[in-house]
Amino acid sequence: MNISPQTASTVAPYLAWMALMAFLPSTAAWYAVRSVAAAALLVAFARICRIKVTKEAVMRALPSGVAVGLAVFALWVAPERFDIYRRLFIIGSGEAVGGASPYDPAVCGWALTIARLAGSAFVIAPAEELFFRNFLYRWLQKGGDWSSSSLRRFDLSAFLWTTALFALEHDRYLAGAMAGAAYGALAIRKGLGAAVTAHVTTNLALAVYVIARDEWALW
């Protein structure tokens, strides 16, 4: 099977992240290693696909991206604040992890805590959007000829499958499904840049929330 450089560079950051997560220990130091590896592949993707981020593109993506990202963040943390909502919207564990978090600066130091924040917001968020929205959603429409399919075209089956698979990646399944649906709808309406901005905003807001409130179970 021939895999084009565009396909390889698009899926590689996410697949590398997931593979390293499966095989490396769950420590802050190894999380930083995983982030660096995936970040290098994101840079390779940008070069292979000749991605140029312009000021105009950023300004178009910011308003809707930040708004949707903050809304998803609110949906994500609401179950932690209201017990009834927690029971309705968290099917996974949703419970605090026993013992100290490996990402608590008291355990790993502030440098690795900030590395966790950076990896979550600026590495895995764009890697997931590249994989789920830019590749998987379009591949589910046209298979091997995925690059000829428009991201801006709504396909119900592809949308539902992408949302479901994105949800299953998270222990908070229904919150993950709502997040996936929000990012997917935004990608269709406003483009991939807006979806990446939204996901980055959600993860950055969540990281700040976790650190400020010691809510390490959310990480």
C-alpha atoms as a PDB file:
ATOM      1  CA  MET A   1       0.000   0.000   0.000  1.00  0.00           C
ATOM      2  CA  ASN A   2       1.385   3.382  -1.025  1.00  0.00           C
ATOM      3  CA  ILE A   3       1.047   6.136   1.542  1.00  0.00           C
ATOM      4  CA  SER A   4       1.564   9.652   0.261  1.00  0.00           C
ATOM      5  CA  PRO A   5       3.875  12.061   2.108  1.00  0.00           C
ATOM      6  CA  GLN A   6       0.831  14.253   2.772  1.00  0.00           C
ATOM      7  CA  THR A   7      -1.035  11.398   4.464  1.00  0.00           C
ATOM      8  CA  ALA A   8       2.001  10.282   6.460  1.00  0.00           C
ATOM      9  CA  SER A   9       2.804  13.785   7.683  1.00  0.00           C
ATOM     10  CA  THR A  10      -0.832  14.448   8.593  1.00  0.00           C
ATOM     11  CA  VAL A  11      -1.378  11.347  10.718  1.00  0.00           C
ATOM     12  CA  ALA A  12       2.160  10.889  12.079  1.00  0.00           C
ATOM     13  CA  PRO A  13       2.048  13.415  14.963  1.00  0.00           C
ATOM     14  CA  TYR A  14      -1.102  11.876  16.453  1.00  0.00           C
ATOM     15  CA  LEU A  15      -0.087   8.245  15.878  1.00  0.00           C
ATOM     16  CA  ALA A  16       3.363   8.864  17.341  1.00  0.00           C
ATOM     17  CA  TRP A  17       1.792  10.519  20.376  1.00  0.00           C
ATOM     18  CA  MET A  18      -0.551   7.582  20.965  1.00  0.00           C
ATOM     19  CA  ALA A  19       2.186   4.993  20.447  1.00  0.00           C
ATOM     20  CA  LEU A  20       4.533   6.729  22.864  1.00  0.00           C
ATOM     21  CA  MET A  21       1.734   7.111  25.386  1.00  0.00           C
ATOM     22  CA  ALA A  22       1.123   3.351  25.220  1.00  0.00           C
ATOM     23  CA  PHE A  23       4.752   2.330  25.632  1.00  0.00           C
ATOM     24  CA  LEU A  24       6.348   5.051  27.791  1.00  0.00           C
ATOM     25  CA  PRO A  25       5.838   5.396  31.561  1.00  0.00           C
ATOM     26  CA  SER A  26       3.205   7.900  32.721  1.00  0.00           C
ATOM     27  CA  THR A  27       5.615  10.421  34.190  1.00  0.00           C
ATOM     28  CA  ALA A  28       6.073  14.133  33.608  1.00  0.00           C
ATOM     29  CA  ALA A  29       9.526  13.647  32.107  1.00  0.00           C
ATOM     30  CA  TRP A  30       8.309  11.113  29.550  1.00  0.00           C
ATOM     31  CA  TYR A  31       5.322  13.338  28.758  1.00  0.00           C
ATOM     32  CA  ALA A  32       7.833  16.046  27.830  1.00  0.00           C
ATOM     33  CA  VAL A  33       9.679  13.576  25.584  1.00  0.00           C
ATOM     34  CA  ARG A  34       6.397  12.632  23.918  1.00  0.00           C
ATOM     35  CA  SER A  35       5.583  16.302  23.368  1.00  0.00           C
ATOM     36  CA  VAL A  36       8.953  17.034  21.763  1.00  0.00           C
ATOM     37  CA  ALA A  37       8.657  14.026  19.436  1.00  0.00           C
ATOM     38  CA  ALA A  38       5.141  14.939  18.303  1.00  0.00           C
ATOM     39  CA  ALA A  39       6.073  18.620  17.967  1.00  0.00           C
ATOM     40  CA  ALA A  40       8.936  17.679  15.631  1.00  0.00           C
ATOM     41  CA  LEU A  41       6.485  15.739  13.472  1.00  0.00           C
ATOM     42  CA  LEU A  42       4.089  18.706  13.417  1.00  0.00           C
ATOM     43  CA  VAL A  43       6.917  20.870  12.104  1.00  0.00           C
ATOM     44  CA  ALA A  44       7.652  18.220   9.469  1.00  0.00           C
ATOM     45  CA  PHE A  45       3.969  18.238   8.469  1.00  0.00           C
ATOM     46  CA  ALA A  46       4.008  22.012   8.064  1.00  0.00           C
ATOM     47  CA  ARG A  47       7.087  21.804   5.828  1.00  0.00           C
ATOM     48  CA  ILE A  48       5.930  18.865   3.714  1.00  0.00           C
ATOM     49  CA  CYS A  49       2.477  20.374   3.173  1.00  0.00           C
ATOM     50  CA  ARG A  50       3.933  23.896   2.823  1.00  0.00           C
ATOM     51  CA  ILE A  51       1.682  25.343   5.492  1.00  0.00           C
ATOM     52  CA  LYS A  52       1.999  29.075   5.917  1.00  0.00           C
ATOM     53  CA  VAL A  53       0.248  30.759   8.842  1.00  0.00           C
ATOM     54  CA  THR A  54      -0.627  34.325   7.939  1.00  0.00           C
ATOM     55  CA  LYS A  55      -1.831  37.116  10.174  1.00  0.00           C
ATOM     56  CA  GLU A  56      -5.090  37.268   8.236  1.00  0.00           C
ATOM     57  CA  ALA A  57      -5.741  33.547   8.750  1.00  0.00           C
ATOM     58  CA  VAL A  58      -5.048  33.855  12.469  1.00  0.00           C
ATOM     59  CA  MET A  59      -7.407  36.810  12.832  1.00  0.00           C
ATOM     60  CA  ARG A  60     -10.169  34.902  11.005  1.00  0.00           C
ATOM     61  CA  ALA A  61      -9.761  31.854  13.225  1.00  0.00           C
ATOM     62  CA  LEU A  62      -9.437  33.599  16.584  1.00  0.00           C
ATOM     63  CA  PRO A  63     -12.982  34.870  17.367  1.00  0.00           C
ATOM     64  CA  SER A  64     -14.922  31.667  16.680  1.00  0.00           C
ATOM     65  CA  GLY A  65     -12.075  29.431  17.790  1.00  0.00           C
ATOM     66  CA  VAL A  66     -11.637  31.079  21.176  1.00  0.00           C
ATOM     67  CA  ALA A  67     -15.400  31.246  21.765  1.00  0.00           C
ATOM     68  CA  VAL A  68     -15.965  27.564  20.985  1.00  0.00           C
ATOM     69  CA  GLY A  69     -12.839  26.561  22.885  1.00  0.00           C
ATOM     70  CA  LEU A  70     -13.974  28.314  26.048  1.00  0.00           C
ATOM     71  CA  ALA A  71     -17.477  26.826  25.701  1.00  0.00           C
ATOM     72  CA  VAL A  72     -15.992  23.321  25.458  1.00  0.00           C
ATOM     73  CA  PHE A  73     -13.796  24.059  28.477  1.00  0.00           C
ATOM     74  CA  ALA A  74     -16.920  25.023  30.457  1.00  0.00           C
ATOM     75  CA  LEU A  75     -18.636  21.782  29.405  1.00  0.00           C
ATOM     76  CA  TRP A  76     -15.554  19.822  30.406  1.00  0.00           C
ATOM     77  CA  VAL A  77     -15.222  21.213  33.937  1.00  0.00           C
ATOM     78  CA  ALA A  78     -18.942  21.571  34.756  1.00  0.00           C
ATOM     79  CA  PRO A  79     -19.299  17.882  35.734  1.00  0.00           C
ATOM     80  CA  GLU A  80     -16.563  18.408  38.324  1.00  0.00           C
ATOM     81  CA  ARG A  81     -18.590  21.118  40.031  1.00  0.00           C
ATOM     82  CA  PHE A  82     -22.097  19.602  40.023  1.00  0.00           C
ATOM     83  CA  ASP A  83     -22.654  16.031  41.170  1.00  0.00           C
ATOM     84  CA  ILE A  84     -25.851  15.431  39.147  1.00  0.00           C
ATOM     85  CA  TYR A  85     -24.207  16.739  36.000  1.00  0.00           C
ATOM     86  CA  ARG A  86     -21.194  14.561  36.760  1.00  0.00           C
ATOM     87  CA  ARG A  87     -23.359  11.428  36.849  1.00  0.00           C
ATOM     88  CA  LEU A  88     -25.062  12.371  33.586  1.00  0.00           C
ATOM     89  CA  PHE A  89     -22.066  13.448  31.552  1.00  0.00           C
ATOM     90  CA  ILE A  90     -19.148  11.332  32.747  1.00  0.00           C
ATOM     91  CA  ILE A  91     -19.289   7.653  31.881  1.00  0.00           C
ATOM     92  CA  GLY A  92     -15.593   7.054  32.461  1.00  0.00           C
ATOM     93  CA  SER A  93     -13.919   7.043  35.852  1.00  0.00           C
ATOM     94  CA  GLY A  94     -14.285  10.780  36.455  1.00  0.00           C
ATOM     95  CA  GLU A  95     -12.799  10.322  39.901  1.00  0.00           C
ATOM     96  CA  ALA A  96      -9.761  11.881  41.455  1.00  0.00           C
ATOM     97  CA  VAL A  97      -6.642   9.791  41.098  1.00  0.00           C
ATOM     98  CA  GLY A  98      -5.306   8.516  44.369  1.00  0.00           C
ATOM     99  CA  GLY A  99      -1.998   9.955  45.511  1.00  0.00           C
ATOM    100  CA  ALA A 100      -0.073  12.889  44.138  1.00  0.00           C
ATOM    101  CA  SER A 101      -0.258  13.685  40.445  1.00  0.00           C
ATOM    102  CA  PRO A 102       2.985  13.170  38.515  1.00  0.00           C
ATOM    103  CA  TYR A 103       2.385  16.603  36.967  1.00  0.00           C
ATOM    104  CA  ASP A 104       2.088  18.472  40.266  1.00  0.00           C
ATOM    105  CA  PRO A 105       5.066  20.852  40.500  1.00  0.00           C
ATOM    106  CA  ALA A 106       5.590  19.592  44.050  1.00  0.00           C
ATOM    107  CA  VAL A 107       6.342  16.211  42.498  1.00  0.00           C
ATOM    108  CA  CYS A 108       8.045  16.988  39.178  1.00  0.00           C
ATOM    109  CA  GLY A 109       9.067  20.637  39.414  1.00  0.00           C
ATOM    110  CA  TRP A 110       7.617  23.639  37.595  1.00  0.00           C
ATOM    111  CA  ALA A 111       9.605  23.082  34.394  1.00  0.00           C
ATOM    112  CA  LEU A 112       7.919  19.726  33.741  1.00  0.00           C
ATOM    113  CA  THR A 113       4.507  21.048  34.821  1.00  0.00           C
ATOM    114  CA  ILE A 114       4.825  23.833  32.236  1.00  0.00           C
ATOM    115  CA  ALA A 115       6.014  21.253  29.705  1.00  0.00           C
ATOM    116  CA  ARG A 116       2.787  19.334  30.430  1.00  0.00           C
ATOM    117  CA  LEU A 117       0.774  22.505  29.807  1.00  0.00           C
ATOM    118  CA  ALA A 118       2.626  23.242  26.562  1.00  0.00           C
ATOM    119  CA  GLY A 119       2.306  19.685  25.280  1.00  0.00           C
ATOM    120  CA  SER A 120      -1.389  19.532  26.063  1.00  0.00           C
ATOM    121  CA  ALA A 121      -2.256  22.883  24.493  1.00  0.00           C
ATOM    122  CA  PHE A 122       0.208  23.333  21.644  1.00  0.00           C
ATOM    123  CA  VAL A 123       1.146  19.801  20.585  1.00  0.00           C
ATOM    124  CA  ILE A 124      -1.583  17.229  21.125  1.00  0.00           C
ATOM    125  CA  ALA A 125      -4.435  19.669  20.386  1.00  0.00           C
ATOM    126  CA  PRO A 126      -3.276  20.481  16.819  1.00  0.00           C
ATOM    127  CA  ALA A 127      -2.152  16.858  16.308  1.00  0.00           C
ATOM    128  CA  GLU A 128      -5.645  15.612  17.169  1.00  0.00           C
ATOM    129  CA  GLU A 129      -7.301  18.148  14.896  1.00  0.00           C
ATOM    130  CA  LEU A 130      -5.033  17.170  12.021  1.00  0.00           C
ATOM    131  CA  PHE A 131      -5.892  13.521  12.539  1.00  0.00           C
ATOM    132  CA  PHE A 132      -9.612  13.616  13.389  1.00  0.00           C
ATOM    133  CA  ARG A 133     -10.858  16.601  11.419  1.00  0.00           C
ATOM    134  CA  ASN A 134      -8.368  17.083   8.580  1.00  0.00           C
ATOM    135  CA  PHE A 135      -7.668  13.404   7.846  1.00  0.00           C
ATOM    136  CA  LEU A 136     -10.212  11.006   9.378  1.00  0.00           C
ATOM    137  CA  TYR A 137     -13.347  13.039   8.596  1.00  0.00           C
ATOM    138  CA  ARG A 138     -12.273  13.409   4.967  1.00  0.00           C
ATOM    139  CA  TRP A 139     -10.979   9.822   4.680  1.00  0.00           C
ATOM    140  CA  LEU A 140     -14.353   8.475   5.859  1.00  0.00           C
ATOM    141  CA  GLN A 141     -15.903  10.269   2.895  1.00  0.00           C
ATOM    142  CA  LYS A 142     -13.471   9.228   0.140  1.00  0.00           C
ATOM    143  CA  GLY A 143     -11.089   6.626   1.529  1.00  0.00           C
ATOM    144  CA  GLY A 144      -7.656   6.656  -0.077  1.00  0.00           C
ATOM    145  CA  ASP A 145      -8.565   9.731  -2.088  1.00  0.00           C
ATOM    146  CA  TRP A 146      -9.201  11.680   1.125  1.00  0.00           C
ATOM    147  CA  SER A 147      -7.240  14.783   0.137  1.00  0.00           C
ATOM    148  CA  SER A 148      -9.717  15.475  -2.681  1.00  0.00           C
ATOM    149  CA  SER A 149     -12.590  15.656  -0.193  1.00  0.00           C
ATOM    150  CA  SER A 150     -13.499  19.048   1.201  1.00  0.00           C
ATOM    151  CA  LEU A 151     -13.405  19.541   4.954  1.00  0.00           C
ATOM    152  CA  ARG A 152     -16.145  22.137   4.540  1.00  0.00           C
ATOM    153  CA  ARG A 153     -18.607  19.558   3.152  1.00  0.00           C
ATOM    154  CA  PHE A 154     -20.958  18.118   5.784  1.00  0.00           C
ATOM    155  CA  ASP A 155     -21.250  14.336   5.752  1.00  0.00           C
ATOM    156  CA  LEU A 156     -23.435  12.990   8.569  1.00  0.00           C
ATOM    157  CA  SER A 157     -21.930   9.507   8.713  1.00  0.00           C
ATOM    158  CA  ALA A 158     -18.333  10.770   8.704  1.00  0.00           C
ATOM    159  CA  PHE A 159     -19.215  13.430  11.271  1.00  0.00           C
ATOM    160  CA  LEU A 160     -20.796  10.925  13.682  1.00  0.00           C
ATOM    161  CA  TRP A 161     -17.982   8.385  13.332  1.00  0.00           C
ATOM    162  CA  THR A 162     -15.315  11.025  13.877  1.00  0.00           C
ATOM    163  CA  THR A 163     -17.131  12.392  16.918  1.00  0.00           C
ATOM    164  CA  ALA A 164     -17.624   8.921  18.403  1.00  0.00           C
ATOM    165  CA  LEU A 165     -13.996   7.896  17.942  1.00  0.00           C
ATOM    166  CA  PHE A 166     -12.794  11.182  19.401  1.00  0.00           C
ATOM    167  CA  ALA A 167     -15.071  10.610  22.414  1.00  0.00           C
ATOM    168  CA  LEU A 168     -13.725   7.111  23.020  1.00  0.00           C
ATOM    169  CA  GLU A 169     -10.223   8.540  23.266  1.00  0.00           C
ATOM    170  CA  HIS A 170     -11.235  10.277  26.518  1.00  0.00           C
ATOM    171  CA  ASP A 171     -12.382   8.834  29.833  1.00  0.00           C
ATOM    172  CA  ARG A 172     -15.134  11.472  30.006  1.00  0.00           C
ATOM    173  CA  TYR A 173     -16.915  10.031  27.000  1.00  0.00           C
ATOM    174  CA  LEU A 174     -19.920  12.319  26.711  1.00  0.00           C
ATOM    175  CA  ALA A 175     -17.878  15.428  27.382  1.00  0.00           C
ATOM    176  CA  GLY A 176     -15.470  14.161  24.736  1.00  0.00           C
ATOM    177  CA  ALA A 177     -18.346  13.615  22.308  1.00  0.00           C
ATOM    178  CA  MET A 178     -19.618  17.161  22.832  1.00  0.00           C
ATOM    179  CA  ALA A 179     -16.100  18.510  22.357  1.00  0.00           C
ATOM    180  CA  GLY A 180     -15.594  16.465  19.184  1.00  0.00           C
ATOM    181  CA  ALA A 181     -18.919  17.594  17.781  1.00  0.00           C
ATOM    182  CA  ALA A 182     -18.123  21.235  18.547  1.00  0.00           C
ATOM    183  CA  TYR A 183     -14.674  21.090  16.953  1.00  0.00           C
ATOM    184  CA  GLY A 184     -16.032  19.164  13.966  1.00  0.00           C
ATOM    185  CA  ALA A 185     -18.873  21.594  13.350  1.00  0.00           C
ATOM    186  CA  LEU A 186     -16.471  24.517  13.640  1.00  0.00           C
ATOM    187  CA  ALA A 187     -14.052  22.925  11.167  1.00  0.00           C
ATOM    188  CA  ILE A 188     -16.845  22.505   8.638  1.00  0.00           C
ATOM    189  CA  ARG A 189     -18.132  26.045   9.065  1.00  0.00           C
ATOM    190  CA  LYS A 190     -14.914  27.987   9.562  1.00  0.00           C
ATOM    191  CA  GLY A 191     -12.062  25.718   8.520  1.00  0.00           C
ATOM    192  CA  LEU A 192      -9.323  23.699  10.194  1.00  0.00           C
ATOM    193  CA  GLY A 193      -7.575  26.753  11.619  1.00  0.00           C
ATOM    194  CA  ALA A 194     -10.622  27.654  13.701  1.00  0.00           C
ATOM    195  CA  ALA A 195     -10.914  24.074  14.999  1.00  0.00           C
ATOM    196  CA  VAL A 196      -7.238  24.009  15.973  1.00  0.00           C
ATOM    197  CA  THR A 197      -7.644  27.371  17.712  1.00  0.00           C
ATOM    198  CA  ALA A 198     -10.664  26.078  19.625  1.00  0.00           C
ATOM    199  CA  HIS A 199      -8.900  22.902  20.747  1.00  0.00           C
ATOM    200  CA  VAL A 200      -5.791  24.819  21.785  1.00  0.00           C
ATOM    201  CA  THR A 201      -7.972  27.266  23.731  1.00  0.00           C
ATOM    202  CA  THR A 202      -9.805  24.460  25.541  1.00  0.00           C
ATOM    203  CA  ASN A 203      -6.633  22.629  26.524  1.00  0.00           C
ATOM    204  CA  LEU A 204      -4.848  25.808  27.569  1.00  0.00           C
ATOM    205  CA  ALA A 205      -7.789  26.952  29.697  1.00  0.00           C
ATOM    206  CA  LEU A 206      -8.050  23.481  31.222  1.00  0.00           C
ATOM    207  CA  ALA A 207      -4.328  23.427  32.033  1.00  0.00           C
ATOM    208  CA  VAL A 208      -4.500  26.808  33.769  1.00  0.00           C
ATOM    209  CA  TYR A 209      -7.608  25.661  35.664  1.00  0.00           C
ATOM    210  CA  VAL A 210      -5.944  22.418  36.779  1.00  0.00           C
ATOM    211  CA  ILE A 211      -2.815  24.151  38.026  1.00  0.00           C
ATOM    212  CA  ALA A 212      -4.636  27.055  39.695  1.00  0.00           C
ATOM    213  CA  ARG A 213      -7.199  24.862  41.491  1.00  0.00           C
ATOM    214  CA  ASP A 214      -5.125  21.695  42.070  1.00  0.00           C
ATOM    215  CA  GLU A 215      -7.690  19.697  40.050  1.00  0.00           C
ATOM    216  CA  TRP A 216      -5.118  17.137  38.932  1.00  0.00           C
ATOM    217  CA  ALA A 217      -7.728  14.446  38.208  1.00  0.00           C
ATOM    218  CA  LEU A 218      -8.631  16.428  35.064  1.00  0.00           C
ATOM    219  CA  TRP A 219      -5.119  15.819  33.744  1.00  0.00           C
END
